[in-house]
ModelCIF file with pLDDT and N, C-alpha, C, O atoms, coordinates in Angstrom:
data_MODEL
#
_entry.id   MODEL 
#
_entity.id                         1 
_entity.type                       polymer 
_entity.pdbx_number_of_molecules   1 
#
_entity_poly.entity_id                      1 
_entity_poly.type                           'polypeptide(L)' 
_entity_poly.nstd_linkage                   no 
_entity_poly.nstd_monomer                   no 
_entity_poly.pdbx_seq_one_letter_code       KEDIYVDAKGEKRPCYEVTKKGCELIGHKLTGKKGV 
_entity_poly.pdbx_seq_one_letter_code_can   KEDIYVDAKGEKRPCYEVTKKGCELIGHKLTGKKGV 
_entity_poly.pdbx_strand_id                 A 
#
loop_
_entity_poly_seq.entity_id 
_entity_poly_seq.num 
_entity_poly_seq.mon_id 
_entity_poly_seq.hetero 
1 1  LYS n 
1 2  GLU n 
1 3  ASP n 
1 4  ILE n 
1 5  TYR n 
1 6  VAL n 
1 7  ASP n 
1 8  ALA n 
1 9  LYS n 
1 10 GLY n 
1 11 GLU n 
1 12 LYS n 
1 13 ARG n 
1 14 PRO n 
1 15 CYS n 
1 16 TYR n 
1 17 GLU n 
1 18 VAL n 
1 19 THR n 
1 20 LYS n 
1 21 LYS n 
1 22 GLY n 
1 23 CYS n 
1 24 GLU n 
1 25 LEU n 
1 26 ILE n 
1 27 GLY n 
1 28 HIS n 
1 29 LYS n 
1 30 LEU n 
1 31 THR n 
1 32 GLY n 
1 33 LYS n 
1 34 LYS n 
1 35 GLY n 
1 36 VAL n 
#
_struct_asym.id          A 
_struct_asym.entity_id   1 
#
loop_
_ma_qa_metric.id 
_ma_qa_metric.mode 
_ma_qa_metric.name 
_ma_qa_metric.software_group_id 
_ma_qa_metric.type 
1 global pLDDT . pLDDT 
2 local  pLDDT . pLDDT 
#
_ma_qa_metric_global.metric_id      1 
_ma_qa_metric_global.metric_value   89.61 
_ma_qa_metric_global.model_id       1 
_ma_qa_metric_global.ordinal_id     1 
#
loop_
_ma_qa_metric_local.label_asym_id 
_ma_qa_metric_local.label_comp_id 
_ma_qa_metric_local.label_seq_id 
_ma_qa_metric_local.metric_id 
_ma_qa_metric_local.metric_value 
_ma_qa_metric_local.model_id 
_ma_qa_metric_local.ordinal_id 
A LYS 1  2 94.00 1 1  
A GLU 2  2 93.00 1 2  
A ASP 3  2 92.00 1 3  
A ILE 4  2 91.00 1 4  
A TYR 5  2 87.00 1 5  
A VAL 6  2 80.00 1 6  
A ASP 7  2 77.00 1 7  
A ALA 8  2 70.00 1 8  
A LYS 9  2 77.00 1 9  
A GLY 10 2 77.00 1 10 
A GLU 11 2 84.00 1 11 
A LYS 12 2 89.00 1 12 
A ARG 13 2 91.00 1 13 
A PRO 14 2 94.00 1 14 
A CYS 15 2 94.00 1 15 
A TYR 16 2 95.00 1 16 
A GLU 17 2 94.00 1 17 
A VAL 18 2 95.00 1 18 
A THR 19 2 94.00 1 19 
A LYS 20 2 93.00 1 20 
A LYS 21 2 94.00 1 21 
A GLY 22 2 95.00 1 22 
A CYS 23 2 95.00 1 23 
A GLU 24 2 94.00 1 24 
A LEU 25 2 95.00 1 25 
A ILE 26 2 95.00 1 26 
A GLY 27 2 93.00 1 27 
A HIS 28 2 90.00 1 28 
A LYS 29 2 86.00 1 29 
A LEU 30 2 90.00 1 30 
A THR 31 2 87.00 1 31 
A GLY 32 2 90.00 1 32 
A LYS 33 2 90.00 1 33 
A LYS 34 2 89.00 1 34 
A GLY 35 2 90.00 1 35 
A VAL 36 2 92.00 1 36 
#
loop_
_atom_site.group_PDB 
_atom_site.id 
_atom_site.type_symbol 
_atom_site.label_atom_id 
_atom_site.label_alt_id 
_atom_site.label_comp_id 
_atom_site.label_asym_id 
_atom_site.label_entity_id 
_atom_site.label_seq_id 
_atom_site.pdbx_PDB_ins_code 
_atom_site.Cartn_x 
_atom_site.Cartn_y 
_atom_site.Cartn_z 
_atom_site.occupancy 
_atom_site.B_iso_or_equiv 
_atom_site.pdbx_formal_charge 
_atom_site.auth_seq_id 
_atom_site.auth_comp_id 
_atom_site.auth_asym_id 
_atom_site.auth_atom_id 
_atom_site.pdbx_PDB_model_num 
ATOM 1   N N  . LYS A 1 1  ? -3.681  1.536   7.803   1.00 94.00 ? 1  LYS A N  1 
ATOM 2   C CA . LYS A 1 1  ? -4.919  1.048   8.407   1.00 94.00 ? 1  LYS A CA 1 
ATOM 3   C C  . LYS A 1 1  ? -5.240  -0.314  7.791   1.00 94.00 ? 1  LYS A C  1 
ATOM 4   O O  . LYS A 1 1  ? -5.354  -0.446  6.573   1.00 94.00 ? 1  LYS A O  1 
ATOM 5   N N  . GLU A 1 2  ? -5.383  -1.323  8.652   1.00 93.00 ? 2  GLU A N  1 
ATOM 6   C CA . GLU A 1 2  ? -5.658  -2.671  8.163   1.00 93.00 ? 2  GLU A CA 1 
ATOM 7   C C  . GLU A 1 2  ? -7.017  -2.739  7.474   1.00 93.00 ? 2  GLU A C  1 
ATOM 8   O O  . GLU A 1 2  ? -7.985  -2.121  7.917   1.00 93.00 ? 2  GLU A O  1 
ATOM 9   N N  . ASP A 1 3  ? -7.071  -3.491  6.399   1.00 92.00 ? 3  ASP A N  1 
ATOM 10  C CA . ASP A 1 3  ? -8.314  -3.611  5.648   1.00 92.00 ? 3  ASP A CA 1 
ATOM 11  C C  . ASP A 1 3  ? -8.313  -4.948  4.907   1.00 92.00 ? 3  ASP A C  1 
ATOM 12  O O  . ASP A 1 3  ? -7.327  -5.684  4.948   1.00 92.00 ? 3  ASP A O  1 
ATOM 13  N N  . ILE A 1 4  ? -9.418  -5.258  4.233   1.00 91.00 ? 4  ILE A N  1 
ATOM 14  C CA . ILE A 1 4  ? -9.510  -6.471  3.417   1.00 91.00 ? 4  ILE A CA 1 
ATOM 15  C C  . ILE A 1 4  ? -10.177 -6.110  2.099   1.00 91.00 ? 4  ILE A C  1 
ATOM 16  O O  . ILE A 1 4  ? -10.868 -5.096  1.999   1.00 91.00 ? 4  ILE A O  1 
ATOM 17  N N  . TYR A 1 5  ? -9.967  -6.943  1.092   1.00 87.00 ? 5  TYR A N  1 
ATOM 18  C CA . TYR A 1 5  ? -10.661 -6.791  -0.180  1.00 87.00 ? 5  TYR A CA 1 
ATOM 19  C C  . TYR A 1 5  ? -11.056 -8.181  -0.672  1.00 87.00 ? 5  TYR A C  1 
ATOM 20  O O  . TYR A 1 5  ? -10.535 -9.188  -0.193  1.00 87.00 ? 5  TYR A O  1 
ATOM 21  N N  . VAL A 1 6  ? -11.972 -8.229  -1.623  1.00 80.00 ? 6  VAL A N  1 
ATOM 22  C CA . VAL A 1 6  ? -12.434 -9.491  -2.187  1.00 80.00 ? 6  VAL A CA 1 
ATOM 23  C C  . VAL A 1 6  ? -11.803 -9.651  -3.560  1.00 80.00 ? 6  VAL A C  1 
ATOM 24  O O  . VAL A 1 6  ? -11.972 -8.786  -4.420  1.00 80.00 ? 6  VAL A O  1 
ATOM 25  N N  . ASP A 1 7  ? -11.078 -10.745 -3.781  1.00 77.00 ? 7  ASP A N  1 
ATOM 26  C CA . ASP A 1 7  ? -10.394 -10.952 -5.053  1.00 77.00 ? 7  ASP A CA 1 
ATOM 27  C C  . ASP A 1 7  ? -11.339 -11.523 -6.106  1.00 77.00 ? 7  ASP A C  1 
ATOM 28  O O  . ASP A 1 7  ? -12.531 -11.692 -5.851  1.00 77.00 ? 7  ASP A O  1 
ATOM 29  N N  . ALA A 1 8  ? -10.804 -11.819 -7.290  1.00 70.00 ? 8  ALA A N  1 
ATOM 30  C CA . ALA A 1 8  ? -11.619 -12.286 -8.408  1.00 70.00 ? 8  ALA A CA 1 
ATOM 31  C C  . ALA A 1 8  ? -12.306 -13.619 -8.133  1.00 70.00 ? 8  ALA A C  1 
ATOM 32  O O  . ALA A 1 8  ? -13.304 -13.950 -8.773  1.00 70.00 ? 8  ALA A O  1 
ATOM 33  N N  . LYS A 1 9  ? -11.775 -14.382 -7.183  1.00 77.00 ? 9  LYS A N  1 
ATOM 34  C CA . LYS A 1 9  ? -12.368 -15.667 -6.822  1.00 77.00 ? 9  LYS A CA 1 
ATOM 35  C C  . LYS A 1 9  ? -13.411 -15.537 -5.719  1.00 77.00 ? 9  LYS A C  1 
ATOM 36  O O  . LYS A 1 9  ? -14.010 -16.524 -5.293  1.00 77.00 ? 9  LYS A O  1 
ATOM 37  N N  . GLY A 1 10 ? -13.619 -14.303 -5.265  1.00 77.00 ? 10 GLY A N  1 
ATOM 38  C CA . GLY A 1 10 ? -14.576 -14.073 -4.189  1.00 77.00 ? 10 GLY A CA 1 
ATOM 39  C C  . GLY A 1 10 ? -14.008 -14.324 -2.812  1.00 77.00 ? 10 GLY A C  1 
ATOM 40  O O  . GLY A 1 10 ? -14.758 -14.404 -1.840  1.00 77.00 ? 10 GLY A O  1 
ATOM 41  N N  . GLU A 1 11 ? -12.685 -14.450 -2.709  1.00 84.00 ? 11 GLU A N  1 
ATOM 42  C CA . GLU A 1 11 ? -12.037 -14.720 -1.418  1.00 84.00 ? 11 GLU A CA 1 
ATOM 43  C C  . GLU A 1 11 ? -11.522 -13.425 -0.806  1.00 84.00 ? 11 GLU A C  1 
ATOM 44  O O  . GLU A 1 11 ? -11.065 -12.529 -1.516  1.00 84.00 ? 11 GLU A O  1 
ATOM 45  N N  . LYS A 1 12 ? -11.599 -13.334 0.529   1.00 89.00 ? 12 LYS A N  1 
ATOM 46  C CA . LYS A 1 12 ? -11.127 -12.148 1.239   1.00 89.00 ? 12 LYS A CA 1 
ATOM 47  C C  . LYS A 1 12 ? -9.614  -12.179 1.379   1.00 89.00 ? 12 LYS A C  1 
ATOM 48  O O  . LYS A 1 12 ? -9.028  -13.192 1.759   1.00 89.00 ? 12 LYS A O  1 
ATOM 49  N N  . ARG A 1 13 ? -8.992  -11.043 1.064   1.00 91.00 ? 13 ARG A N  1 
ATOM 50  C CA . ARG A 1 13 ? -7.548  -10.922 1.130   1.00 91.00 ? 13 ARG A CA 1 
ATOM 51  C C  . ARG A 1 13 ? -7.168  -9.689  1.954   1.00 91.00 ? 13 ARG A C  1 
ATOM 52  O O  . ARG A 1 13 ? -7.903  -8.702  1.964   1.00 91.00 ? 13 ARG A O  1 
ATOM 53  N N  . PRO A 1 14 ? -6.015  -9.740  2.649   1.00 94.00 ? 14 PRO A N  1 
ATOM 54  C CA . PRO A 1 14 ? -5.585  -8.579  3.444   1.00 94.00 ? 14 PRO A CA 1 
ATOM 55  C C  . PRO A 1 14 ? -5.013  -7.473  2.575   1.00 94.00 ? 14 PRO A C  1 
ATOM 56  O O  . PRO A 1 14 ? -4.431  -7.732  1.521   1.00 94.00 ? 14 PRO A O  1 
ATOM 57  N N  . CYS A 1 15 ? -5.182  -6.255  3.020   1.00 94.00 ? 15 CYS A N  1 
ATOM 58  C CA . CYS A 1 15 ? -4.570  -5.099  2.377   1.00 94.00 ? 15 CYS A CA 1 
ATOM 59  C C  . CYS A 1 15 ? -4.491  -3.986  3.420   1.00 94.00 ? 15 CYS A C  1 
ATOM 60  O O  . CYS A 1 15 ? -4.904  -4.176  4.564   1.00 94.00 ? 15 CYS A O  1 
ATOM 61  N N  . TYR A 1 16 ? -3.975  -2.855  3.038   1.00 95.00 ? 16 TYR A N  1 
ATOM 62  C CA . TYR A 1 16 ? -3.895  -1.710  3.929   1.00 95.00 ? 16 TYR A CA 1 
ATOM 63  C C  . TYR A 1 16 ? -4.381  -0.467  3.202   1.00 95.00 ? 16 TYR A C  1 
ATOM 64  O O  . TYR A 1 16 ? -4.219  -0.332  1.989   1.00 95.00 ? 16 TYR A O  1 
ATOM 65  N N  . GLU A 1 17 ? -4.977  0.433   3.964   1.00 94.00 ? 17 GLU A N  1 
ATOM 66  C CA . GLU A 1 17 ? -5.233  1.771   3.482   1.00 94.00 ? 17 GLU A CA 1 
ATOM 67  C C  . GLU A 1 17 ? -4.045  2.615   3.928   1.00 94.00 ? 17 GLU A C  1 
ATOM 68  O O  . GLU A 1 17 ? -3.767  2.724   5.122   1.00 94.00 ? 17 GLU A O  1 
ATOM 69  N N  . VAL A 1 18 ? -3.357  3.200   2.980   1.00 95.00 ? 18 VAL A N  1 
ATOM 70  C CA . VAL A 1 18 ? -2.116  3.912   3.267   1.00 95.00 ? 18 VAL A CA 1 
ATOM 71  C C  . VAL A 1 18 ? -2.382  5.417   3.284   1.00 95.00 ? 18 VAL A C  1 
ATOM 72  O O  . VAL A 1 18 ? -2.863  5.975   2.298   1.00 95.00 ? 18 VAL A O  1 
ATOM 73  N N  . THR A 1 19 ? -2.070  6.073   4.402   1.00 94.00 ? 19 THR A N  1 
ATOM 74  C CA . THR A 1 19 ? -2.266  7.507   4.516   1.00 94.00 ? 19 THR A CA 1 
ATOM 75  C C  . THR A 1 19 ? -1.141  8.247   3.790   1.00 94.00 ? 19 THR A C  1 
ATOM 76  O O  . THR A 1 19 ? -0.213  7.631   3.265   1.00 94.00 ? 19 THR A O  1 
ATOM 77  N N  . LYS A 1 20 ? -1.241  9.575   3.770   1.00 93.00 ? 20 LYS A N  1 
ATOM 78  C CA . LYS A 1 20 ? -0.191  10.369  3.133   1.00 93.00 ? 20 LYS A CA 1 
ATOM 79  C C  . LYS A 1 20 ? 1.128   10.171  3.865   1.00 93.00 ? 20 LYS A C  1 
ATOM 80  O O  . LYS A 1 20 ? 2.184   10.109  3.236   1.00 93.00 ? 20 LYS A O  1 
ATOM 81  N N  . LYS A 1 21 ? 1.073   10.071  5.210   1.00 94.00 ? 21 LYS A N  1 
ATOM 82  C CA . LYS A 1 21 ? 2.282   9.808   5.988   1.00 94.00 ? 21 LYS A CA 1 
ATOM 83  C C  . LYS A 1 21 ? 2.863   8.447   5.625   1.00 94.00 ? 21 LYS A C  1 
ATOM 84  O O  . LYS A 1 21 ? 4.079   8.286   5.526   1.00 94.00 ? 21 LYS A O  1 
ATOM 85  N N  . GLY A 1 22 ? 1.983   7.473   5.428   1.00 95.00 ? 22 GLY A N  1 
ATOM 86  C CA . GLY A 1 22 ? 2.441   6.138   5.058   1.00 95.00 ? 22 GLY A CA 1 
ATOM 87  C C  . GLY A 1 22 ? 3.132   6.141   3.708   1.00 95.00 ? 22 GLY A C  1 
ATOM 88  O O  . GLY A 1 22 ? 4.146   5.469   3.517   1.00 95.00 ? 22 GLY A O  1 
ATOM 89  N N  . CYS A 1 23 ? 2.570   6.914   2.753   1.00 95.00 ? 23 CYS A N  1 
ATOM 90  C CA . CYS A 1 23 ? 3.197   7.018   1.438   1.00 95.00 ? 23 CYS A CA 1 
ATOM 91  C C  . CYS A 1 23 ? 4.555   7.685   1.535   1.00 95.00 ? 23 CYS A C  1 
ATOM 92  O O  . CYS A 1 23 ? 5.500   7.299   0.847   1.00 95.00 ? 23 CYS A O  1 
ATOM 93  N N  . GLU A 1 24 ? 4.647   8.695   2.399   1.00 94.00 ? 24 GLU A N  1 
ATOM 94  C CA . GLU A 1 24 ? 5.928   9.371   2.588   1.00 94.00 ? 24 GLU A CA 1 
ATOM 95  C C  . GLU A 1 24 ? 6.962   8.408   3.157   1.00 94.00 ? 24 GLU A C  1 
ATOM 96  O O  . GLU A 1 24 ? 8.130   8.434   2.769   1.00 94.00 ? 24 GLU A O  1 
ATOM 97  N N  . LEU A 1 25 ? 6.518   7.553   4.087   1.00 95.00 ? 25 LEU A N  1 
ATOM 98  C CA . LEU A 1 25 ? 7.427   6.574   4.677   1.00 95.00 ? 25 LEU A CA 1 
ATOM 99  C C  . LEU A 1 25 ? 7.923   5.585   3.615   1.00 95.00 ? 25 LEU A C  1 
ATOM 100 O O  . LEU A 1 25 ? 9.113   5.282   3.536   1.00 95.00 ? 25 LEU A O  1 
ATOM 101 N N  . ILE A 1 26 ? 6.998   5.099   2.816   1.00 95.00 ? 26 ILE A N  1 
ATOM 102 C CA . ILE A 1 26 ? 7.372   4.170   1.739   1.00 95.00 ? 26 ILE A CA 1 
ATOM 103 C C  . ILE A 1 26 ? 8.295   4.862   0.738   1.00 95.00 ? 26 ILE A C  1 
ATOM 104 O O  . ILE A 1 26 ? 9.266   4.272   0.265   1.00 95.00 ? 26 ILE A O  1 
ATOM 105 N N  . GLY A 1 27 ? 7.980   6.125   0.420   1.00 93.00 ? 27 GLY A N  1 
ATOM 106 C CA . GLY A 1 27 ? 8.779   6.876   -0.544  1.00 93.00 ? 27 GLY A CA 1 
ATOM 107 C C  . GLY A 1 27 ? 10.206  7.108   -0.084  1.00 93.00 ? 27 GLY A C  1 
ATOM 108 O O  . GLY A 1 27 ? 11.122  7.170   -0.904  1.00 93.00 ? 27 GLY A O  1 
ATOM 109 N N  . HIS A 1 28 ? 10.402  7.239   1.236   1.00 90.00 ? 28 HIS A N  1 
ATOM 110 C CA . HIS A 1 28 ? 11.750  7.463   1.763   1.00 90.00 ? 28 HIS A CA 1 
ATOM 111 C C  . HIS A 1 28 ? 12.653  6.255   1.530   1.00 90.00 ? 28 HIS A C  1 
ATOM 112 O O  . HIS A 1 28 ? 13.877  6.378   1.531   1.00 90.00 ? 28 HIS A O  1 
ATOM 113 N N  . LYS A 1 29 ? 12.050  5.100   1.334   1.00 86.00 ? 29 LYS A N  1 
ATOM 114 C CA . LYS A 1 29 ? 12.834  3.877   1.114   1.00 86.00 ? 29 LYS A CA 1 
ATOM 115 C C  . LYS A 1 29 ? 13.225  3.721   -0.352  1.00 86.00 ? 29 LYS A C  1 
ATOM 116 O O  . LYS A 1 29 ? 14.025  2.850   -0.694  1.00 86.00 ? 29 LYS A O  1 
ATOM 117 N N  . LEU A 1 30 ? 12.667  4.559   -1.210  1.00 90.00 ? 30 LEU A N  1 
ATOM 118 C CA . LEU A 1 30 ? 12.963  4.471   -2.630  1.00 90.00 ? 30 LEU A CA 1 
ATOM 119 C C  . LEU A 1 30 ? 13.969  5.548   -3.025  1.00 90.00 ? 30 LEU A C  1 
ATOM 120 O O  . LEU A 1 30 ? 13.967  6.645   -2.468  1.00 90.00 ? 30 LEU A O  1 
ATOM 121 N N  . THR A 1 31 ? 14.809  5.234   -3.969  1.00 87.00 ? 31 THR A N  1 
ATOM 122 C CA . THR A 1 31 ? 15.820  6.195   -4.408  1.00 87.00 ? 31 THR A CA 1 
ATOM 123 C C  . THR A 1 31 ? 15.748  6.386   -5.921  1.00 87.00 ? 31 THR A C  1 
ATOM 124 O O  . THR A 1 31 ? 15.125  5.601   -6.636  1.00 87.00 ? 31 THR A O  1 
ATOM 125 N N  . GLY A 1 32 ? 16.391  7.432   -6.381  1.00 90.00 ? 32 GLY A N  1 
ATOM 126 C CA . GLY A 1 32 ? 16.497  7.668   -7.809  1.00 90.00 ? 32 GLY A CA 1 
ATOM 127 C C  . GLY A 1 32 ? 15.174  7.925   -8.499  1.00 90.00 ? 32 GLY A C  1 
ATOM 128 O O  . GLY A 1 32 ? 14.251  8.495   -7.917  1.00 90.00 ? 32 GLY A O  1 
ATOM 129 N N  . LYS A 1 33 ? 15.096  7.498   -9.743  1.00 90.00 ? 33 LYS A N  1 
ATOM 130 C CA . LYS A 1 33 ? 13.928  7.743   -10.586 1.00 90.00 ? 33 LYS A CA 1 
ATOM 131 C C  . LYS A 1 33 ? 12.661  7.140   -9.994  1.00 90.00 ? 33 LYS A C  1 
ATOM 132 O O  . LYS A 1 33 ? 11.599  7.761   -10.033 1.00 90.00 ? 33 LYS A O  1 
ATOM 133 N N  . LYS A 1 34 ? 12.769  5.919   -9.441  1.00 89.00 ? 34 LYS A N  1 
ATOM 134 C CA . LYS A 1 34 ? 11.598  5.254   -8.879  1.00 89.00 ? 34 LYS A CA 1 
ATOM 135 C C  . LYS A 1 34 ? 11.015  6.055   -7.722  1.00 89.00 ? 34 LYS A C  1 
ATOM 136 O O  . LYS A 1 34 ? 9.798   6.191   -7.601  1.00 89.00 ? 34 LYS A O  1 
ATOM 137 N N  . GLY A 1 35 ? 11.897  6.585   -6.871  1.00 90.00 ? 35 GLY A N  1 
ATOM 138 C CA . GLY A 1 35 ? 11.439  7.376   -5.733  1.00 90.00 ? 35 GLY A CA 1 
ATOM 139 C C  . GLY A 1 35 ? 10.766  8.663   -6.160  1.00 90.00 ? 35 GLY A C  1 
ATOM 140 O O  . GLY A 1 35 ? 9.745   9.055   -5.595  1.00 90.00 ? 35 GLY A O  1 
ATOM 141 N N  . VAL A 1 36 ? 11.341  9.330   -7.169  1.00 92.00 ? 36 VAL A N  1 
ATOM 142 C CA . VAL A 1 36 ? 10.765  10.583  -7.669  1.00 92.00 ? 36 VAL A CA 1 
ATOM 143 C C  . VAL A 1 36 ? 9.389   10.342  -8.277  1.00 92.00 ? 36 VAL A C  1 
ATOM 144 O O  . VAL A 1 36 ? 8.750   11.283  -8.750  1.00 92.00 ? 36 VAL A O  1 
#
């Protein structure tokens, strides 16, 4: 889900809210110790 946050300089920056499905998708791209 697209979102924004305000950084230390007070400027708006893009970010995402990642659901559990999104985390699973990201996790599938990782292997070995990092993925676990």
